Amino acid sequence: MSMLSRIALALVIIGALNWGLIGLFQFDLVATLFGGQDSFLSRVVYGLVGIGGLICLGLLFKPNEEIDTVTDRPSRFSNSNLRTEFGEEPDFTKEQDVKSKKTNRGMDHVD
């Protein structure tokens, strides 16, 4: 995630918390901190939160592979060594090779 996206997300979180305070307690924290809703600083903060929301709107439509770029870390739900819980799985590749050679020889005789 880029630095601009992180700043935008922080601004959106600030705005969401402010709206939560307004909805639950009728308390506008931004207006209280910056001198009322009509003050210049409050309007700047409200504008920045709105711009942050527009930037985060773009994050909503990004594919997952662009958002999560960490791929060298193994997942804790995957069995990266492909072994069973109680021991190693038997190696059937030699038996499959012998079987495929037999079927190929059988096909040669059919032609």
Protein backbone atom coordinates (compact mmCIF):
# COMPACT_ATOMS: atom_id res chain seq x y z
CA MET A 1 0.00 0.00 0.00
CA SER A 2 1.46 3.35 -0.98
CA MET A 3 2.04 6.20 1.46
CA LEU A 4 -0.77 8.24 -0.15
CA SER A 5 -3.19 5.34 0.36
CA ARG A 6 -2.14 5.01 4.00
CA ILE A 7 -2.67 8.74 4.64
CA ALA A 8 -6.04 8.59 2.88
CA LEU A 9 -7.05 5.58 4.98
CA ALA A 10 -6.02 7.38 8.19
CA LEU A 11 -8.13 10.39 7.19
CA VAL A 12 -11.11 8.17 6.44
CA ILE A 13 -10.74 6.50 9.83
CA ILE A 14 -10.64 9.92 11.52
CA GLY A 15 -13.79 10.90 9.63
CA ALA A 16 -15.52 7.65 10.54
CA LEU A 17 -14.69 8.09 14.21
CA ASN A 18 -15.97 11.67 14.08
CA TRP A 19 -19.22 10.55 12.46
CA GLY A 20 -19.55 7.83 15.09
CA LEU A 21 -19.21 10.43 17.84
CA ILE A 22 -21.78 12.63 16.12
CA GLY A 23 -24.22 9.76 15.70
CA LEU A 24 -23.86 8.32 19.19
CA PHE A 25 -23.27 11.38 21.36
CA GLN A 26 -24.06 14.41 19.15
CA PHE A 27 -20.46 15.50 19.65
CA ASP A 28 -18.40 16.81 16.72
CA LEU A 29 -14.76 16.30 17.75
CA VAL A 30 -13.31 18.09 14.70
CA ALA A 31 -15.46 21.15 15.31
CA THR A 32 -14.57 21.14 19.00
CA LEU A 33 -10.83 20.90 18.33
CA PHE A 34 -10.69 23.48 15.55
CA GLY A 35 -13.17 26.16 16.63
CA GLY A 36 -16.57 25.12 15.29
CA GLN A 37 -17.90 23.75 12.04
CA ASP A 38 -17.57 27.09 10.24
CA SER A 39 -13.93 27.70 11.11
CA PHE A 40 -11.35 27.49 8.35
CA LEU A 41 -9.36 24.67 10.00
CA SER A 42 -12.46 22.51 10.51
CA ARG A 43 -13.43 22.96 6.88
CA VAL A 44 -9.88 21.97 5.82
CA VAL A 45 -10.09 18.80 7.93
CA TYR A 46 -13.54 17.96 6.54
CA GLY A 47 -12.23 18.52 3.01
CA LEU A 48 -9.17 16.33 3.60
CA VAL A 49 -11.39 13.55 4.96
CA GLY A 50 -13.54 13.80 1.83
CA ILE A 51 -10.51 13.64 -0.46
CA GLY A 52 -9.23 10.67 1.55
CA GLY A 53 -12.56 8.96 0.98
CA LEU A 54 -12.26 9.47 -2.78
CA ILE A 55 -8.76 7.99 -2.77
CA CYS A 56 -9.90 5.00 -0.71
CA LEU A 57 -12.74 4.47 -3.15
CA GLY A 58 -10.06 3.47 -5.65
CA LEU A 59 -8.73 0.88 -3.19
CA LEU A 60 -12.13 -0.78 -3.19
CA PHE A 61 -11.77 -1.75 -6.85
CA LYS A 62 -8.13 -2.92 -6.82
CA PRO A 63 -7.58 -6.65 -7.33
CA ASN A 64 -6.35 -8.59 -4.31
CA GLU A 65 -2.90 -9.26 -5.73
CA GLU A 66 -2.22 -5.51 -5.92
CA ILE A 67 -3.27 -4.94 -2.32
CA ASP A 68 -1.42 -7.89 -0.74
CA THR A 69 2.04 -8.00 -2.30
CA VAL A 70 3.72 -10.12 0.39
CA THR A 71 4.16 -13.52 -1.27
CA ASP A 72 7.43 -14.81 0.18
CA ARG A 73 5.84 -15.47 3.57
CA PRO A 74 4.27 -18.96 3.90
CA SER A 75 0.62 -19.11 4.77
CA ARG A 76 -0.11 -20.57 8.16
CA PHE A 77 -2.92 -22.64 6.65
CA SER A 78 -0.91 -24.28 3.90
CA ASN A 79 1.22 -27.39 4.23
CA SER A 80 4.27 -26.08 2.40
CA ASN A 81 6.28 -29.30 2.57
CA LEU A 82 3.33 -31.39 1.30
CA ARG A 83 3.75 -34.11 3.87
CA THR A 84 1.08 -35.75 5.91
CA GLU A 85 0.67 -35.09 9.59
CA PHE A 86 1.96 -38.49 10.71
CA GLY A 87 4.76 -39.12 8.25
CA GLU A 88 5.94 -38.76 4.72
CA GLU A 89 3.76 -39.74 1.83
CA PRO A 90 5.01 -42.67 -0.28
CA ASP A 91 6.65 -41.79 -3.59
CA PHE A 92 4.54 -43.27 -6.41
CA THR A 93 6.37 -41.56 -9.26
CA LYS A 94 8.43 -44.65 -10.12
CA GLU A 95 5.33 -46.84 -10.21
CA GLN A 96 3.52 -44.29 -12.40
CA ASP A 97 6.49 -44.24 -14.82
CA VAL A 98 6.46 -48.05 -15.10
CA LYS A 99 2.70 -48.06 -15.62
CA SER A 100 2.86 -45.36 -18.31
CA LYS A 101 5.63 -47.26 -20.13
CA LYS A 102 3.52 -50.43 -20.11
CA THR A 103 0.49 -48.59 -21.51
CA ASN A 104 2.63 -46.93 -24.18
CA ARG A 105 4.09 -50.33 -25.21
CA GLY A 106 0.60 -51.75 -25.40
CA MET A 107 -0.47 -48.93 -27.70
CA ASP A 108 2.49 -49.59 -29.99
CA HIS A 109 1.36 -53.18 -30.50
CA VAL A 110 -2.21 -52.07 -31.34
CA ASP A 111 -1.11 -49.95 -34.29
